[in-house]
Each structure stands twice: as C-alpha cells, then as structure tokens.
C-alpha cells in the first residue's frame, strides 16, 4: 500500500499486518497504539470492531 496518513510528511509504503489474534482461545485485535482490544466472540464481530476503532481514531484526529 502506497499513500499518506494524515500525520505523515511524505508518501511512504505502509504494510498491513494481521491484527486479529487468539489469546487463550478468545479473539482480540491489536492496534498501532499497542493495545489489545477484545475479547470478541467471532471473526465477523472483530472485523466490525476494527472498523469502528478506525472510525473513532479518525474522528479524534479530525478534531485536532
């Protein structure tokens, strides 16, 4: 993926990683802020919550 994030000074390559993981059998996702969010009951719920988290973080960035 090639592009710019809001806080970047110049375009750069950003690599996506697998954000979903299991800890003791429960599903979580990790964030750039180095937090582990969850647990969630199924992968579809994790995907929805990842998008909700991204939306919240972008809204916070827009307020600054």
N, C-alpha and C. Protein backbone atom coordinates (compact mmCIF):
# COMPACT_ATOMS: atom_id res chain seq x y z
N UNK A 1 0.85 -1.17 0.00
CA UNK A 1 0.00 0.00 0.00
C UNK A 1 0.89 1.23 0.00
N UNK A 2 0.65 2.13 -0.91
CA UNK A 2 1.44 3.34 -1.02
C UNK A 2 0.53 4.53 -0.81
N UNK A 3 0.83 5.38 0.11
CA UNK A 3 -0.03 6.54 0.36
C UNK A 3 0.43 7.30 1.57
N UNK A 4 -0.39 8.27 1.96
CA UNK A 4 -0.05 9.10 3.12
C UNK A 4 -1.11 8.97 4.20
N UNK A 5 -0.63 8.92 5.43
CA UNK A 5 -1.52 9.05 6.56
C UNK A 5 -1.55 10.53 6.91
N UNK A 6 -2.51 10.96 7.67
CA UNK A 6 -2.66 12.38 8.00
C UNK A 6 -1.41 12.95 8.67
N UNK A 7 -0.74 12.16 9.49
CA UNK A 7 0.41 12.68 10.23
C UNK A 7 1.74 12.54 9.47
N UNK A 8 1.72 11.95 8.28
CA UNK A 8 2.94 11.77 7.50
C UNK A 8 3.32 13.03 6.75
N UNK A 9 4.63 13.27 6.64
CA UNK A 9 5.13 14.41 5.89
C UNK A 9 5.23 14.12 4.39
N UNK A 10 5.42 12.87 4.03
CA UNK A 10 5.59 12.49 2.63
C UNK A 10 5.00 11.11 2.41
N UNK A 11 4.62 10.79 1.16
CA UNK A 11 4.11 9.44 0.90
C UNK A 11 5.14 8.37 1.26
N UNK A 12 4.65 7.25 1.71
CA UNK A 12 5.53 6.15 2.10
C UNK A 12 4.78 4.84 1.94
N UNK A 13 5.49 3.76 2.00
CA UNK A 13 4.88 2.44 1.93
C UNK A 13 4.52 2.00 3.34
N UNK A 14 3.28 1.59 3.53
CA UNK A 14 2.82 1.10 4.82
C UNK A 14 2.34 -0.32 4.63
N UNK A 15 2.81 -1.21 5.47
CA UNK A 15 2.45 -2.61 5.36
C UNK A 15 1.40 -2.94 6.40
N UNK A 16 0.33 -3.56 5.95
CA UNK A 16 -0.71 -4.01 6.88
C UNK A 16 -0.26 -5.33 7.51
N UNK A 17 -0.63 -5.51 8.73
CA UNK A 17 -0.31 -6.77 9.38
C UNK A 17 -1.61 -7.42 9.82
N UNK A 18 -1.52 -8.66 10.21
CA UNK A 18 -2.71 -9.34 10.73
C UNK A 18 -2.99 -8.78 12.11
N UNK A 19 -4.11 -8.16 12.25
CA UNK A 19 -4.44 -7.52 13.52
C UNK A 19 -5.24 -8.42 14.45
N UNK A 20 -5.80 -9.51 13.92
CA UNK A 20 -6.63 -10.41 14.71
C UNK A 20 -5.77 -11.53 15.27
N UNK A 21 -6.00 -11.85 16.55
CA UNK A 21 -5.25 -12.95 17.15
C UNK A 21 -6.11 -13.63 18.20
N UNK A 22 -5.68 -14.80 18.60
CA UNK A 22 -6.35 -15.52 19.68
C UNK A 22 -5.44 -15.55 20.90
N UNK A 23 -6.02 -15.27 22.05
CA UNK A 23 -5.32 -15.36 23.32
C UNK A 23 -6.18 -16.24 24.22
N UNK A 24 -5.63 -17.36 24.63
CA UNK A 24 -6.39 -18.33 25.44
C UNK A 24 -7.73 -18.67 24.81
N UNK A 25 -7.74 -18.80 23.47
CA UNK A 25 -8.94 -19.20 22.75
C UNK A 25 -9.90 -18.07 22.44
N UNK A 26 -9.63 -16.85 22.92
CA UNK A 26 -10.53 -15.71 22.67
C UNK A 26 -9.93 -14.80 21.60
N UNK A 27 -10.80 -14.17 20.80
CA UNK A 27 -10.37 -13.31 19.71
C UNK A 27 -10.15 -11.87 20.18
N UNK A 28 -9.04 -11.30 19.74
CA UNK A 28 -8.67 -9.91 20.02
C UNK A 28 -8.12 -9.29 18.75
N UNK A 29 -7.98 -7.95 18.74
CA UNK A 29 -7.21 -7.31 17.69
C UNK A 29 -6.24 -6.33 18.31
N UNK A 30 -5.11 -6.16 17.65
CA UNK A 30 -4.09 -5.24 18.14
C UNK A 30 -4.16 -3.94 17.35
N UNK A 31 -3.69 -2.86 17.98
CA UNK A 31 -3.73 -1.53 17.37
C UNK A 31 -2.33 -0.96 17.22
N UNK A 32 -2.21 0.08 16.41
CA UNK A 32 -0.92 0.79 16.28
C UNK A 32 -0.50 1.40 17.60
N UNK A 33 -1.47 1.70 18.43
CA UNK A 33 -1.18 2.30 19.73
C UNK A 33 -0.71 1.24 20.74
N UNK A 34 -0.54 0.02 20.23
CA UNK A 34 -0.03 -1.10 21.03
C UNK A 34 -1.00 -1.52 22.13
N UNK A 35 -2.29 -1.52 21.80
CA UNK A 35 -3.29 -2.05 22.72
C UNK A 35 -3.88 -3.32 22.14
N UNK A 36 -4.44 -4.14 22.98
CA UNK A 36 -5.11 -5.37 22.57
C UNK A 36 -6.57 -5.19 22.93
N UNK A 37 -7.44 -5.17 21.93
CA UNK A 37 -8.87 -4.91 22.13
C UNK A 37 -9.65 -6.22 22.05
N UNK A 38 -10.58 -6.42 22.96
CA UNK A 38 -11.40 -7.62 22.94
C UNK A 38 -11.71 -8.06 24.35
N UNK A 39 -12.18 -9.24 24.54
CA UNK A 39 -12.34 -10.33 23.58
C UNK A 39 -13.65 -10.21 22.80
N UNK A 40 -13.68 -10.88 21.65
CA UNK A 40 -14.85 -10.91 20.78
C UNK A 40 -15.21 -12.37 20.50
N UNK A 41 -16.48 -12.59 20.16
CA UNK A 41 -16.95 -13.97 20.03
C UNK A 41 -16.77 -14.60 18.66
N UNK A 42 -16.55 -13.78 17.60
CA UNK A 42 -16.35 -14.37 16.28
C UNK A 42 -15.58 -13.41 15.37
N UNK A 43 -14.98 -13.90 14.30
CA UNK A 43 -14.17 -13.06 13.42
C UNK A 43 -14.95 -11.91 12.77
N UNK A 44 -16.23 -12.13 12.47
CA UNK A 44 -17.04 -11.07 11.87
C UNK A 44 -17.19 -9.90 12.84
N UNK A 45 -17.38 -10.20 14.10
CA UNK A 45 -17.50 -9.15 15.13
C UNK A 45 -16.18 -8.40 15.25
N UNK A 46 -15.07 -9.13 15.21
CA UNK A 46 -13.76 -8.48 15.27
C UNK A 46 -13.61 -7.50 14.11
N UNK A 47 -13.97 -7.93 12.91
CA UNK A 47 -13.85 -7.07 11.73
C UNK A 47 -14.68 -5.79 11.90
N UNK A 48 -15.89 -5.93 12.42
CA UNK A 48 -16.75 -4.74 12.66
C UNK A 48 -16.12 -3.82 13.70
N UNK A 49 -15.57 -4.41 14.75
CA UNK A 49 -14.98 -3.61 15.82
C UNK A 49 -13.68 -2.93 15.38
N UNK A 50 -12.92 -3.59 14.51
CA UNK A 50 -11.72 -2.95 13.95
C UNK A 50 -12.13 -1.71 13.17
N UNK A 51 -13.16 -1.83 12.32
CA UNK A 51 -13.61 -0.67 11.55
C UNK A 51 -14.14 0.43 12.46
N UNK A 52 -14.87 0.07 13.51
CA UNK A 52 -15.37 1.06 14.47
C UNK A 52 -14.21 1.76 15.17
N UNK A 53 -13.18 1.02 15.52
CA UNK A 53 -12.00 1.60 16.17
C UNK A 53 -11.31 2.60 15.23
N UNK A 54 -11.14 2.20 13.97
CA UNK A 54 -10.52 3.08 12.98
C UNK A 54 -11.34 4.36 12.83
N UNK A 55 -12.65 4.21 12.74
CA UNK A 55 -13.53 5.38 12.61
C UNK A 55 -13.39 6.32 13.81
N UNK A 56 -13.33 5.76 15.03
CA UNK A 56 -13.16 6.58 16.23
C UNK A 56 -11.82 7.31 16.21
N UNK A 57 -10.76 6.61 15.83
CA UNK A 57 -9.44 7.24 15.81
C UNK A 57 -9.37 8.35 14.75
N UNK A 58 -10.00 8.14 13.60
CA UNK A 58 -10.01 9.17 12.57
C UNK A 58 -10.82 10.38 13.03
N UNK A 59 -11.93 10.15 13.73
CA UNK A 59 -12.74 11.25 14.25
C UNK A 59 -11.95 12.05 15.28
N UNK A 60 -11.19 11.38 16.13
CA UNK A 60 -10.35 12.08 17.10
C UNK A 60 -9.29 12.92 16.41
N UNK A 61 -8.71 12.38 15.34
CA UNK A 61 -7.70 13.12 14.58
C UNK A 61 -8.27 14.33 13.88
N UNK A 62 -9.52 14.25 13.44
CA UNK A 62 -10.17 15.37 12.75
C UNK A 62 -10.47 16.51 13.71
N UNK A 63 -10.60 16.22 15.00
CA UNK A 63 -10.89 17.26 16.00
C UNK A 63 -9.67 18.08 16.37
N UNK A 64 -8.49 17.58 16.06
CA UNK A 64 -7.25 18.28 16.48
C UNK A 64 -6.95 19.43 15.59
